[in-house]
N, C-alpha and C. Protein backbone atom coordinates (compact mmCIF):
# COMPACT_ATOMS: atom_id res chain seq x y z
N SER A 1 9.76 -17.95 6.59
CA SER A 1 9.24 -17.45 8.89
C SER A 1 7.29 -16.55 8.40
N SER A 2 7.05 -16.43 9.23
CA SER A 2 5.84 -15.72 8.96
C SER A 2 6.07 -14.68 10.19
N GLY A 3 5.14 -13.43 10.75
CA GLY A 3 5.42 -12.98 11.07
C GLY A 3 5.03 -11.26 11.59
N ILE A 4 4.87 -10.06 12.09
CA ILE A 4 4.02 -9.31 12.01
C ILE A 4 4.85 -7.86 12.44
N ASN A 5 4.82 -6.97 12.10
CA ASN A 5 5.68 -5.70 12.67
C ASN A 5 4.50 -4.14 12.36
N ALA A 6 4.09 -4.14 13.08
CA ALA A 6 3.56 -2.57 13.83
C ALA A 6 4.48 -1.46 13.20
N GLU A 7 3.95 -0.54 13.22
CA GLU A 7 4.52 1.04 12.85
C GLU A 7 2.98 2.18 13.16
N TRP A 8 3.49 2.95 13.80
CA TRP A 8 2.78 4.35 14.48
C TRP A 8 3.77 5.66 14.03
N PRO A 9 4.02 5.61 12.20
CA PRO A 9 5.02 6.56 12.97
C PRO A 9 4.19 7.63 12.79
N LEU A 10 4.75 9.16 14.07
CA LEU A 10 4.66 10.57 14.22
C LEU A 10 5.20 11.34 13.60
N ARG A 11 3.64 12.00 12.42
CA ARG A 11 4.48 12.97 11.61
C ARG A 11 4.65 14.18 11.18
N PRO A 12 4.92 15.02 10.95
CA PRO A 12 3.84 16.67 10.94
C PRO A 12 3.44 16.91 9.79
N GLY A 13 2.57 17.78 9.61
CA GLY A 13 1.40 17.70 9.29
C GLY A 13 0.00 17.01 9.52
N GLY A 14 -0.25 16.40 10.41
CA GLY A 14 -1.34 16.15 10.91
C GLY A 14 -1.40 14.84 10.27
N ALA A 15 -1.20 14.47 9.48
CA ALA A 15 -1.40 11.97 9.13
C ALA A 15 -1.04 11.79 10.69
N GLU A 16 -1.96 11.30 10.13
CA GLU A 16 -2.45 10.29 11.39
C GLU A 16 -2.85 8.38 11.04
N ILE A 17 -1.54 7.42 11.28
CA ILE A 17 -1.42 6.15 10.18
C ILE A 17 -0.65 5.67 10.68
N LEU A 18 -1.37 4.36 10.39
CA LEU A 18 -1.08 3.28 11.39
C LEU A 18 -1.21 2.00 9.82
N ALA A 19 0.88 1.05 10.11
CA ALA A 19 0.50 0.70 9.31
C ALA A 19 1.38 -1.14 9.99
N ILE A 20 0.49 -1.60 9.21
CA ILE A 20 1.50 -3.24 9.25
C ILE A 20 1.71 -4.02 8.61
N GLU A 21 3.23 -4.28 8.76
CA GLU A 21 3.67 -5.45 7.77
C GLU A 21 3.15 -6.88 7.81
N VAL A 22 2.54 -7.97 7.50
CA VAL A 22 2.36 -9.24 7.30
C VAL A 22 3.15 -9.81 6.77
N THR A 23 4.54 -10.67 7.17
CA THR A 23 5.21 -11.40 6.18
C THR A 23 4.16 -13.16 6.62
N ILE A 24 4.63 -13.69 5.42
CA ILE A 24 3.72 -14.80 5.28
C ILE A 24 4.62 -15.60 4.11
N GLY A 25 5.44 -16.64 4.29
CA GLY A 25 6.67 -17.44 3.63
C GLY A 25 7.53 -16.30 2.96
N GLU A 26 6.43 -15.67 2.01
CA GLU A 26 7.97 -15.36 0.89
C GLU A 26 6.92 -13.40 0.98
N SER A 27 5.41 -13.95 0.48
CA SER A 27 4.97 -13.04 0.40
C SER A 27 4.77 -11.90 1.79
N LYS A 28 3.91 -10.09 1.81
CA LYS A 28 4.54 -9.59 2.22
C LYS A 28 3.04 -8.46 1.55
N LEU A 29 2.42 -8.19 3.39
CA LEU A 29 1.18 -7.99 2.50
C LEU A 29 1.32 -6.11 4.13
N ILE A 30 0.82 -4.73 3.99
CA ILE A 30 1.29 -4.31 4.30
C ILE A 30 -0.41 -3.46 4.78
N ILE A 31 -0.85 -3.94 5.09
CA ILE A 31 -2.29 -3.07 5.85
C ILE A 31 -2.20 -1.27 6.78
N CYS A 32 -2.58 -0.33 5.43
CA CYS A 32 -2.00 0.65 6.46
C CYS A 32 -4.19 0.83 6.87
N THR A 33 -4.07 1.82 7.86
CA THR A 33 -4.92 2.78 8.03
C THR A 33 -4.47 4.00 7.87
N CYS A 34 -5.28 5.49 7.58
CA CYS A 34 -5.43 6.88 7.56
C CYS A 34 -5.84 7.41 8.26
N TYR A 35 -6.33 7.92 8.56
CA TYR A 35 -7.23 9.72 8.70
C TYR A 35 -6.46 10.82 7.60
N ARG A 36 -7.29 11.90 7.33
CA ARG A 36 -6.96 13.27 6.70
C ARG A 36 -8.18 13.72 7.31
N VAL A 37 -7.75 15.25 8.31
CA VAL A 37 -9.00 16.14 8.05
C VAL A 37 -8.63 16.78 6.26
N GLY A 38 -9.49 16.98 6.39
CA GLY A 38 -9.95 17.59 4.60
C GLY A 38 -9.60 18.82 4.85
N THR A 39 -8.73 19.44 5.65
CA THR A 39 -9.25 20.92 6.13
C THR A 39 -7.21 21.65 5.92
N LEU A 40 -6.52 20.50 5.99
CA LEU A 40 -5.11 20.87 5.94
C LEU A 40 -4.74 20.30 4.73
N GLY A 41 -3.55 20.59 4.25
CA GLY A 41 -2.53 21.42 3.73
C GLY A 41 -1.69 20.01 2.64
N VAL A 42 -1.62 21.16 1.89
CA VAL A 42 -0.10 20.55 1.38
C VAL A 42 0.96 19.97 1.95
N GLU A 43 0.63 20.82 3.27
CA GLU A 43 1.98 20.07 4.44
C GLU A 43 1.32 18.46 4.78
N ASN A 44 -0.22 17.86 4.95
CA ASN A 44 -0.10 16.90 5.10
C ASN A 44 -0.47 15.77 3.82
N HIS A 45 -0.39 16.69 2.98
CA HIS A 45 -0.51 15.73 1.37
C HIS A 45 1.07 15.46 2.17
N ALA A 46 2.00 16.05 1.95
CA ALA A 46 3.66 15.28 1.96
C ALA A 46 3.53 14.65 3.12
N SER A 47 3.01 14.78 4.19
CA SER A 47 3.55 13.70 5.48
C SER A 47 2.82 12.56 4.85
N ILE A 48 1.69 12.77 4.49
CA ILE A 48 1.12 11.27 3.92
C ILE A 48 1.61 10.27 2.67
N VAL A 49 1.91 11.38 1.91
CA VAL A 49 2.52 10.51 0.49
C VAL A 49 3.90 10.17 1.34
N SER A 50 4.37 10.53 2.40
CA SER A 50 5.87 10.25 2.60
C SER A 50 6.03 8.91 3.50
N SER A 51 4.64 9.28 4.30
CA SER A 51 4.91 7.79 4.79
C SER A 51 4.48 6.46 3.47
N ILE A 52 3.74 6.54 2.63
CA ILE A 52 2.95 6.15 1.66
C ILE A 52 4.56 5.67 0.73
N GLN A 53 5.25 6.06 0.59
CA GLN A 53 6.71 6.00 0.01
C GLN A 53 7.62 5.18 0.34
N GLN A 54 7.58 4.61 1.62
CA GLN A 54 8.26 4.23 2.76
C GLN A 54 7.54 2.24 2.41
N PHE A 55 6.27 2.32 1.59
CA PHE A 55 6.12 1.38 1.16
C PHE A 55 6.88 0.71 0.12
N PHE A 56 7.27 1.52 -0.88
CA PHE A 56 7.57 1.53 -2.37
C PHE A 56 9.35 1.36 -1.92
N LYS A 57 9.85 1.23 -0.87
CA LYS A 57 11.82 0.81 -0.72
C LYS A 57 11.74 -0.31 -0.92
N ALA A 58 10.99 -0.81 -0.59
CA ALA A 58 12.18 -3.00 -0.85
C ALA A 58 12.54 -2.74 -1.70
N LYS A 59 13.34 -3.62 -2.10
CA LYS A 59 13.30 -4.33 -3.67
C LYS A 59 12.26 -4.96 -3.63
N LYS A 60 12.15 -5.98 -2.72
CA LYS A 60 10.51 -7.72 -3.71
C LYS A 60 8.91 -6.14 -3.69
N SER A 61 8.51 -6.24 -4.33
CA SER A 61 6.94 -5.55 -4.61
C SER A 61 6.69 -6.27 -2.68
N LYS A 62 5.44 -5.49 -2.69
CA LYS A 62 5.09 -6.03 -1.29
C LYS A 62 3.24 -5.59 -2.07
N LYS A 63 2.20 -5.75 -1.35
CA LYS A 63 1.01 -5.98 -1.14
C LYS A 63 0.34 -5.53 -0.49
N ILE A 64 -0.20 -3.80 -0.99
CA ILE A 64 -0.10 -2.66 0.02
C ILE A 64 -2.46 -2.24 -0.20
N VAL A 65 -2.77 -2.78 1.01
CA VAL A 65 -3.95 -2.30 1.19
C VAL A 65 -4.07 -1.23 2.24
N ILE A 66 -4.83 0.60 1.66
CA ILE A 66 -4.58 1.30 2.47
C ILE A 66 -6.61 1.86 2.73
N VAL A 67 -6.37 1.51 3.65
CA VAL A 67 -7.81 1.73 4.23
C VAL A 67 -8.24 3.69 5.04
N GLY A 68 -9.41 4.18 4.94
CA GLY A 68 -9.12 5.62 5.17
C GLY A 68 -9.72 6.61 5.18
N ASP A 69 -10.28 7.84 5.74
CA ASP A 69 -11.22 8.38 5.47
C ASP A 69 -10.25 9.46 5.39
N PHE A 70 -9.56 9.62 4.15
CA PHE A 70 -9.07 11.07 2.87
C PHE A 70 -10.75 12.39 2.80
N ASN A 71 -11.00 11.88 2.53
CA ASN A 71 -12.11 13.46 2.54
C ASN A 71 -11.59 13.74 2.11
N LEU A 72 -11.49 13.35 0.59
CA LEU A 72 -11.31 14.30 -0.61
C LEU A 72 -12.23 14.63 -1.05
N ASN A 73 -13.40 15.87 -1.23
CA ASN A 73 -15.12 16.59 -1.13
C ASN A 73 -15.01 16.62 -2.51
N SER A 74 -14.30 17.07 -3.68
CA SER A 74 -14.33 17.36 -4.69
C SER A 74 -13.72 16.06 -5.56
N VAL A 75 -13.29 14.98 -5.14
CA VAL A 75 -13.43 14.30 -5.56
C VAL A 75 -14.38 13.08 -6.36
N THR A 76 -15.17 12.00 -7.62
CA THR A 76 -16.14 11.74 -7.92
C THR A 76 -15.64 10.50 -7.35
N TRP A 77 -16.43 9.06 -6.86
CA TRP A 77 -15.77 7.95 -7.40
C TRP A 77 -17.12 6.90 -7.95
N PRO A 78 -16.93 6.12 -8.85
CA PRO A 78 -15.36 5.79 -8.60
C PRO A 78 -14.80 6.68 -10.51
N PHE A 79 -13.07 7.00 -10.15
CA PHE A 79 -12.86 8.31 -10.52
C PHE A 79 -12.74 7.98 -12.29
N ASP A 80 -12.46 8.47 -12.88
CA ASP A 80 -11.93 8.17 -14.24
C ASP A 80 -10.65 8.38 -14.78
N ASN A 81 -10.06 8.20 -15.13
CA ASN A 81 -8.72 8.32 -14.94
C ASN A 81 -8.48 9.70 -16.41
N ASP A 82 -8.92 9.36 -17.58
CA ASP A 82 -8.94 9.90 -18.74
C ASP A 82 -9.94 11.67 -18.61
N GLU A 83 -11.38 11.67 -17.84
CA GLU A 83 -12.30 12.69 -17.68
C GLU A 83 -11.74 13.23 -16.21
N GLY A 84 -11.72 11.90 -14.94
CA GLY A 84 -11.90 12.66 -13.97
C GLY A 84 -11.04 14.00 -13.27
N ALA A 85 -9.92 13.88 -13.32
CA ALA A 85 -9.28 15.20 -12.73
C ALA A 85 -8.98 16.07 -13.30
N ASN A 86 -9.22 16.79 -14.79
CA ASN A 86 -9.67 17.77 -15.23
C ASN A 86 -11.15 18.01 -14.49
N ASN A 87 -11.84 17.96 -13.79
CA ASN A 87 -13.07 18.04 -12.77
C ASN A 87 -12.58 17.87 -10.91
N ILE A 88 -12.21 17.68 -10.71
CA ILE A 88 -11.21 18.12 -9.66
C ILE A 88 -11.09 19.56 -9.25
N ILE A 89 -12.88 20.02 -8.34
CA ILE A 89 -11.67 21.28 -8.09
C ILE A 89 -10.89 21.91 -6.97
N ASN A 90 -10.79 21.01 -5.61
CA ASN A 90 -10.08 21.37 -4.81
C ASN A 90 -8.47 20.91 -5.10
N PRO A 91 -7.20 21.73 -5.58
CA PRO A 91 -6.17 21.58 -5.81
C PRO A 91 -5.27 19.97 -4.86
N ILE A 92 -6.11 20.29 -3.43
CA ILE A 92 -4.72 19.30 -2.73
C ILE A 92 -6.05 17.78 -2.81
N ASP A 93 -7.02 17.88 -3.21
CA ASP A 93 -7.85 16.33 -3.41
C ASP A 93 -7.07 15.85 -5.25
N LYS A 94 -6.63 16.60 -6.06
CA LYS A 94 -5.93 17.12 -6.88
C LYS A 94 -4.80 16.04 -7.03
N LEU A 95 -3.99 16.75 -5.75
CA LEU A 95 -3.34 16.53 -5.54
C LEU A 95 -2.65 14.62 -4.51
N PHE A 96 -3.71 14.35 -4.22
CA PHE A 96 -3.32 13.02 -3.52
C PHE A 96 -4.32 12.35 -5.02
N VAL A 97 -5.38 12.63 -5.17
CA VAL A 97 -6.22 11.04 -6.71
C VAL A 97 -4.21 11.27 -8.07
N ASP A 98 -3.25 12.38 -7.84
CA ASP A 98 -2.20 12.03 -8.67
C ASP A 98 -1.37 11.36 -8.14
N THR A 99 -1.43 11.57 -6.28
CA THR A 99 -0.62 10.89 -5.88
C THR A 99 -1.21 10.11 -5.95
N PHE A 100 -1.95 8.72 -5.70
CA PHE A 100 -2.39 7.34 -5.71
C PHE A 100 -2.75 7.00 -7.35
N ASN A 101 -2.75 7.76 -8.10
CA ASN A 101 -2.38 7.42 -9.36
C ASN A 101 -0.88 6.50 -9.87
N GLU A 102 -0.07 7.55 -9.91
CA GLU A 102 1.56 7.77 -9.31
C GLU A 102 2.25 6.53 -8.94
N PHE A 103 1.62 5.81 -7.76
CA PHE A 103 1.65 4.35 -6.96
C PHE A 103 0.75 3.63 -6.92
N GLY A 104 0.17 3.37 -8.18
CA GLY A 104 -0.56 2.50 -8.86
C GLY A 104 -1.31 1.68 -8.14
N LEU A 105 -2.05 2.36 -7.02
CA LEU A 105 -2.60 2.79 -5.77
C LEU A 105 -4.73 3.05 -7.12
N SER A 106 -4.72 1.98 -6.39
CA SER A 106 -6.38 1.66 -7.23
C SER A 106 -7.27 1.70 -5.98
N GLN A 107 -8.63 2.46 -6.56
CA GLN A 107 -9.34 3.20 -5.28
C GLN A 107 -10.56 2.05 -5.81
N CYS A 108 -10.76 1.14 -4.59
CA CYS A 108 -11.92 -0.33 -4.88
C CYS A 108 -12.85 -0.53 -4.50
N LEU A 109 -13.76 1.17 -3.18
CA LEU A 109 -14.66 1.39 -3.46
C LEU A 109 -15.44 2.06 -3.97
N THR A 110 -17.17 1.56 -4.67
CA THR A 110 -17.80 1.89 -5.52
C THR A 110 -19.09 2.08 -4.54
N VAL A 111 -19.00 2.58 -3.58
CA VAL A 111 -20.79 3.08 -2.93
C VAL A 111 -20.45 4.10 -2.43
N PRO A 112 -21.25 5.12 -1.80
CA PRO A 112 -20.96 6.34 -1.07
C PRO A 112 -20.53 5.84 -0.10
N THR A 113 -19.84 6.65 0.76
CA THR A 113 -19.50 6.13 2.57
C THR A 113 -20.04 7.16 3.31
N HIS A 114 -20.78 8.54 2.69
CA HIS A 114 -21.29 9.64 3.82
C HIS A 114 -22.63 9.66 3.11
N ASN A 115 -23.11 10.28 4.01
CA ASN A 115 -24.88 10.61 4.10
C ASN A 115 -24.84 11.64 2.89
N LYS A 116 -23.96 12.22 2.35
CA LYS A 116 -24.67 12.88 1.29
C LYS A 116 -24.43 13.47 0.37
N GLY A 117 -23.84 11.50 -0.08
CA GLY A 117 -23.90 10.56 -1.27
C GLY A 117 -22.28 10.86 -1.71
N ARG A 118 -21.31 11.01 -1.19
CA ARG A 118 -19.76 11.11 -1.38
C ARG A 118 -19.09 10.01 -0.58
N THR A 119 -18.26 9.68 -0.96
CA THR A 119 -16.76 8.10 -0.94
C THR A 119 -16.03 9.27 0.10
N LEU A 120 -15.99 9.91 0.33
CA LEU A 120 -15.16 9.97 1.66
C LEU A 120 -13.84 8.19 1.99
N ASP A 121 -14.77 7.71 2.66
CA ASP A 121 -13.80 5.97 2.86
C ASP A 121 -12.71 5.62 1.54
N LEU A 122 -11.87 5.58 1.64
CA LEU A 122 -11.16 5.49 0.65
C LEU A 122 -10.97 3.56 1.06
N LEU A 123 -10.55 2.42 0.17
CA LEU A 123 -9.38 1.95 -0.07
C LEU A 123 -8.61 1.35 -0.94
N LEU A 124 -7.99 2.01 -1.29
CA LEU A 124 -6.88 1.54 -1.57
C LEU A 124 -5.67 0.76 -1.96
N THR A 125 -5.96 -0.46 -2.71
CA THR A 125 -4.49 -0.68 -3.02
C THR A 125 -3.55 -1.16 -4.67
N ASN A 126 -2.48 -1.92 -4.82
CA ASN A 126 -2.25 -2.15 -5.51
C ASN A 126 -2.14 -3.22 -5.71
N TYR A 127 -2.87 -4.17 -5.28
CA TYR A 127 -2.81 -5.58 -5.57
C TYR A 127 -4.67 -6.00 -5.84
N GLU A 128 -5.45 -5.43 -6.79
CA GLU A 128 -6.67 -5.30 -6.56
C GLU A 128 -7.07 -7.36 -6.32
N SER A 129 -6.57 -7.72 -6.48
CA SER A 129 -7.07 -9.18 -6.30
C SER A 129 -6.77 -10.21 -4.78
N VAL A 130 -6.67 -9.33 -3.54
CA VAL A 130 -6.69 -9.40 -2.55
C VAL A 130 -7.86 -8.92 -2.03
N ILE A 131 -8.77 -8.22 -2.67
CA ILE A 131 -9.76 -8.09 -2.19
C ILE A 131 -10.68 -8.29 -2.94
N SER A 132 -12.33 -9.11 -2.14
CA SER A 132 -12.88 -10.06 -2.13
C SER A 132 -14.51 -9.23 -2.26
N ASN A 133 -13.91 -8.30 -1.45
CA ASN A 133 -15.66 -7.99 -0.71
C ASN A 133 -15.46 -6.29 -0.43
N THR A 134 -16.85 -5.75 -1.40
CA THR A 134 -16.75 -4.08 -0.67
C THR A 134 -17.88 -3.86 -0.93
N ASN A 135 -18.75 -4.38 -0.13
CA ASN A 135 -19.86 -4.07 0.45
C ASN A 135 -19.43 -3.77 1.61
N ALA A 136 -19.77 -2.72 1.37
CA ALA A 136 -20.12 -1.51 2.46
C ALA A 136 -20.89 -1.14 2.79
N PRO A 137 -21.39 -0.43 4.46
CA PRO A 137 -22.85 0.64 4.50
C PRO A 137 -22.99 1.32 3.46
N ALA A 138 -24.54 1.77 3.35
CA ALA A 138 -24.42 2.32 2.28
C ALA A 138 -24.24 4.33 3.55
N VAL A 139 -24.19 4.10 4.18
CA VAL A 139 -23.44 5.25 5.07
C VAL A 139 -22.88 5.08 6.15
N MET A 140 -21.36 5.48 6.28
CA MET A 140 -20.29 5.32 6.98
C MET A 140 -19.80 6.28 8.31
N ALA A 141 -20.68 7.48 7.48
CA ALA A 141 -20.30 9.05 8.56
C ALA A 141 -21.19 10.00 8.38
N THR A 142 -21.57 10.62 9.21
CA THR A 142 -22.19 11.68 9.13
C THR A 142 -22.00 12.94 9.91
N LEU A 143 -21.98 14.35 9.24
CA LEU A 143 -21.43 15.26 9.51
C LEU A 143 -22.92 16.53 10.61
N ARG A 144 -22.49 17.04 10.99
CA ARG A 144 -23.97 17.95 11.48
C ARG A 144 -24.04 19.59 10.41
């Protein structure tokens, strides 16, 4: 059977997350969007982690795609797991990168999404073969 379930959980800590689960036959795909205000701290991280953990609770693995503006200003993407973790200045940004790694999520965008050359908008997945085109506009966000 096929179907779509949507959830917009209200989370403490300022996490804005919307997720849908698409079932096609025996396969399940979760597509999630997330917005994170860059000035929010540990409580915001915990709220987002709590939401993402829900995707991994099922016995059968799911393909997960998360897109959103995470505002991780001190992270340079693409990220080198061997060298990069030591170069992240902001401890909250490091928490997020460590969490993505623990969940087995890869960041797929390789071009800057901000007019100052940073990649603040992320495309995360645990199943890279579902991603076929990561051409993002040269600048997706602007700040005054």
